Protein backbone atom coordinates (compact mmCIF):
# COMPACT_ATOMS: atom_id res chain seq x y z
CA GLN A 1 273.87 127.29 78.16
CA SER A 2 276.41 128.65 80.48
CA SER A 3 275.10 131.82 82.47
CA SER A 4 276.25 135.05 82.65
CA SER A 5 278.87 136.42 84.50
CA TYR A 6 278.90 140.18 85.83
CA TYR A 7 282.19 142.20 85.97
CA GLY A 8 281.68 145.54 86.35
CA GLY A 9 282.97 148.53 84.38
CA ASP A 10 281.93 152.02 83.09
CA ALA A 11 280.30 153.63 79.97
CA ARG A 12 280.74 157.43 79.93
CA LYS A 13 280.04 160.03 77.58
CA ASP A 14 280.87 163.86 78.27
CA THR A 15 278.14 166.35 76.15
CA ALA A 16 277.86 170.02 76.54
CA GLY A 17 275.78 171.39 79.06
CA HIS A 18 275.52 171.57 82.97
CA ARG A 19 272.94 168.39 84.04
CA ALA A 20 274.60 164.76 84.59
CA VAL A 21 272.79 161.56 84.85
CA VAL A 22 274.33 158.71 86.50
CA ALA A 23 273.86 155.16 86.34
CA VAL A 24 275.65 153.06 89.31
CA ALA A 25 274.65 149.37 89.55
CA GLY A 26 276.14 146.13 91.11
CA GLU A 27 275.17 142.18 90.63
CA GLY A 28 271.23 141.99 91.36
CA GLY A 29 268.78 138.83 91.10
CA ALA A 30 268.29 136.41 87.95
CA LEU A 31 264.57 135.56 87.13
CA SER A 32 265.89 131.84 86.96
CA ASN A 33 265.56 132.25 90.95
CA GLN A 34 262.51 133.85 91.54
CA LYS A 35 262.86 134.51 95.29
CA GLU A 36 265.63 136.37 94.99
CA ALA A 37 264.65 138.23 91.97
CA LEU A 38 261.33 138.96 93.95
CA ALA A 39 263.61 139.88 97.17
CA PHE A 40 265.63 142.55 94.89
CA ALA A 41 262.10 143.63 93.27
CA ILE A 42 261.30 144.48 97.46
CA LEU A 43 264.16 145.91 97.84
CA SER A 44 264.17 148.36 95.14
CA GLN A 45 260.92 150.07 96.67
CA ALA A 46 262.31 149.46 100.13
CA VAL A 47 265.40 151.82 99.46
CA GLY A 48 263.46 154.12 97.42
CA ALA A 49 261.74 154.35 94.07
CA GLY A 50 260.50 157.78 93.80
CA ALA A 51 261.97 161.26 92.93
CA ALA A 52 263.49 163.77 95.69
CA THR A 53 263.18 167.31 95.14
CA LYS A 54 264.06 170.51 96.11
CA ARG A 55 261.14 170.64 98.51
CA GLY A 56 260.21 166.73 98.79
CA LYS A 57 261.95 164.39 100.94
CA ALA A 58 262.06 160.74 99.96
CA ALA A 59 261.97 157.81 102.12
CA GLY A 60 264.12 155.00 102.00
CA ALA A 61 268.02 154.58 101.99
CA PHE A 62 268.38 156.03 98.80
CA GLY A 63 265.60 159.02 99.42
CA GLU A 64 267.87 159.74 103.06
CA ALA A 65 270.79 159.65 101.27
CA VAL A 66 270.24 162.56 98.64
CA ASN A 67 268.13 164.08 101.38
CA CYS A 68 271.66 164.23 102.80
CA ALA A 69 273.68 165.26 99.59
CA GLY A 70 271.36 167.87 98.07
CA GLY A 71 271.04 170.45 101.01
CA ASP A 72 269.11 172.89 98.60
CA ALA A 73 270.17 171.14 95.33
CA PRO A 74 267.34 169.32 93.22
CA ILE A 75 268.51 165.86 92.78
CA SER A 76 266.48 163.16 91.00
CA PHE A 77 266.56 159.73 91.57
CA ARG A 78 265.03 156.20 91.36
CA ALA A 79 266.23 152.51 92.08
CA LEU A 80 267.07 150.65 89.30
CA ASN A 81 266.32 146.76 89.55
CA LYS A 82 266.93 144.82 85.89
CA SER A 83 266.40 140.53 86.66
CA TYR A 84 267.33 138.78 83.11
CA SER A 85 267.04 134.93 82.49
CA ASP A 86 270.66 134.48 84.49
CA ALA A 87 271.47 137.61 85.58
CA GLY A 88 270.34 140.91 87.35
CA LEU A 89 271.45 144.53 88.00
CA PHE A 90 270.85 146.57 91.14
CA GLY A 91 271.41 150.00 91.79
CA PHE A 92 270.51 153.74 91.04
CA VAL A 93 270.03 156.28 88.43
CA ALA A 94 270.29 160.00 90.06
CA ALA A 95 270.13 163.06 87.91
CA ALA A 96 271.67 166.54 89.07
CA ASP A 97 273.42 169.70 88.10
CA GLY A 98 277.29 168.65 87.49
CA LYS A 99 278.32 170.59 89.98
CA ASP A 100 276.40 168.53 92.73
CA ILE A 101 276.09 164.90 91.10
CA GLY A 102 279.59 163.78 92.56
CA LYS A 103 278.27 164.35 95.88
CA ALA A 104 274.91 162.65 95.23
CA VAL A 105 276.69 159.47 93.72
CA ASP A 106 278.76 159.30 96.85
CA PHE A 107 276.46 159.26 99.42
CA LEU A 108 274.21 157.00 97.25
CA VAL A 109 277.05 154.32 96.94
CA ARG A 110 277.28 154.43 100.59
CA ALA A 111 273.36 153.62 100.91
CA LEU A 112 274.09 150.44 97.93
CA LYS A 113 277.25 149.77 99.74
CA SER A 114 275.67 149.55 103.22
CA GLY A 115 274.49 146.24 102.68
CA SER A 116 271.75 146.75 105.51
CA ILE A 117 267.80 147.23 105.22
CA SER A 118 265.53 147.81 108.11
CA ASP A 119 262.27 145.60 108.59
CA LYS A 120 260.55 148.57 108.66
CA ASP A 121 262.00 149.30 105.20
CA VAL A 122 261.22 146.01 104.00
CA ALA A 123 257.54 146.35 104.96
CA ARG A 124 256.85 149.38 103.42
CA GLY A 125 258.83 147.47 100.01
CA LYS A 126 256.86 144.92 100.53
CA ALA A 127 253.12 147.47 100.40
CA LEU A 128 254.52 149.35 97.76
CA LEU A 129 255.46 146.39 95.39
CA LYS A 130 252.04 144.55 95.84
CA ALA A 131 250.24 147.94 95.13
CA ARG A 132 252.06 148.10 91.69
CA THR A 133 251.53 144.41 91.20
CA ILE A 134 247.76 144.85 91.45
CA ALA A 135 247.58 148.21 89.52
CA LYS A 136 249.32 146.56 86.92
CA TYR A 137 246.99 143.82 86.90
CA SER A 138 243.87 145.94 87.16
CA SER A 139 244.16 147.76 83.75
CA ASP A 140 243.57 145.26 80.64
CA GLY A 141 246.92 146.79 79.00
CA GLY A 142 249.24 146.52 81.96
CA LEU A 143 247.63 142.87 81.96
CA ILE A 144 248.53 141.72 78.62
CA LYS A 145 251.82 143.05 79.10
CA GLU A 146 252.60 141.28 82.27
CA ILE A 147 251.16 138.15 81.14
CA GLY A 148 253.38 138.34 78.12
CA ARG A 149 256.63 139.33 80.19
CA GLN A 150 256.23 136.65 82.62
CA ALA A 151 255.68 133.98 79.40
CA ALA A 152 258.67 134.83 77.74
CA LEU A 153 260.71 134.86 80.56
CA ASN A 154 259.53 132.40 83.23
CA ARG A 155 257.45 130.13 81.18
CA THR A 156 254.88 130.24 83.78
CA VAL A 157 252.04 132.96 84.46
CA LEU A 158 251.47 133.90 87.76
CA GLU A 159 247.76 135.24 88.89
CA ALA A 160 247.95 138.36 90.69
CA ASP A 161 247.08 136.95 94.11
CA ALA A 162 249.53 134.48 93.38
CA LEU A 163 252.26 136.81 92.90
CA VAL A 164 251.25 138.86 96.01
CA ALA A 165 251.38 135.79 98.25
CA ALA A 166 254.89 135.14 96.39
CA ILE A 167 255.76 138.74 97.79
CA ASP A 168 254.41 138.46 101.19
CA GLY A 169 256.27 134.81 101.69
CA ILE A 170 259.63 136.69 100.78
CA SER A 171 261.65 136.84 104.76
CA LEU A 172 263.47 140.16 105.77
CA GLN A 173 266.46 137.63 106.10
CA GLN A 174 266.20 136.99 102.05
CA VAL A 175 265.64 140.88 101.28
CA GLN A 176 268.89 141.75 103.64
CA ALA A 177 270.89 138.79 101.58
CA ALA A 178 270.13 141.01 98.54
CA ALA A 179 271.28 143.88 99.94
CA LYS A 180 274.65 142.31 100.86
CA LYS A 181 274.94 140.39 97.71
CA VAL A 182 274.58 143.89 95.52
CA ALA A 183 276.66 145.55 98.16
CA SER A 184 279.34 143.26 98.10
CA SER A 185 279.84 143.20 94.07
CA LYS A 186 281.64 145.27 91.89
CA LEU A 187 279.92 148.45 90.75
CA SER A 188 279.50 149.35 87.01
CA VAL A 189 278.66 153.33 86.31
CA GLY A 190 276.99 154.58 83.37
CA ALA A 191 277.21 158.27 83.10
CA ILE A 192 276.29 161.24 80.50
CA GLY A 193 276.47 164.85 80.49
CA HIS A 194 278.82 167.21 82.79
CA LEU A 195 281.13 164.48 83.98
CA ALA A 196 283.87 166.33 85.85
CA ASN A 197 282.49 165.06 89.33
CA VAL A 198 281.52 161.99 88.24
CA PRO A 199 283.75 159.09 90.05
CA TYR A 200 284.76 156.10 88.01
CA ALA A 201 283.60 152.48 89.18
CA SER A 202 287.34 151.72 90.62
CA GLU A 203 286.98 154.93 92.81
CA LEU A 204 283.61 153.40 94.14
CA ALA A 205 285.14 150.02 95.48
């Protein structure tokens, strides 16, 4: 079986209204490479997996980008990290008023393409990922779902403590390598809403 190839591209749908939701992603980590997949999972937490609101200031590179772009404009965002058997996507999803979304995407893409991540952000990313892992295993429903997902994708199931240890075992250099991989890849853009100010993938190179 040949591995999947990633090429980038656009998927856009203009709709009525003044809001826009935009997803931008580059090449991420495949589940077939567990260490790289974990490095991208840490990176997603490190760059900012939360939402920035008018009053809240989000941490990480994505949070800082949104804080710079937004001013008083409410912009919500989250990191996007999808690992499949032999390919992955990494980037962000942002939502804002159509007049503000272009600037938000511009600043977030700069953060995505910077290819750099600090040791402080990586430490925070590891702590957040471990907390999420433990929370998932602590509920019966979460445990069953996680075991099923691991078994289907990896054909192996890691206990919570083994997964936490695996997260701890990922080095700063491995997370930085993940950041550089997505930074050097072609980007894809998916967008819906008021798209007059949303760039095309070719404009983000």
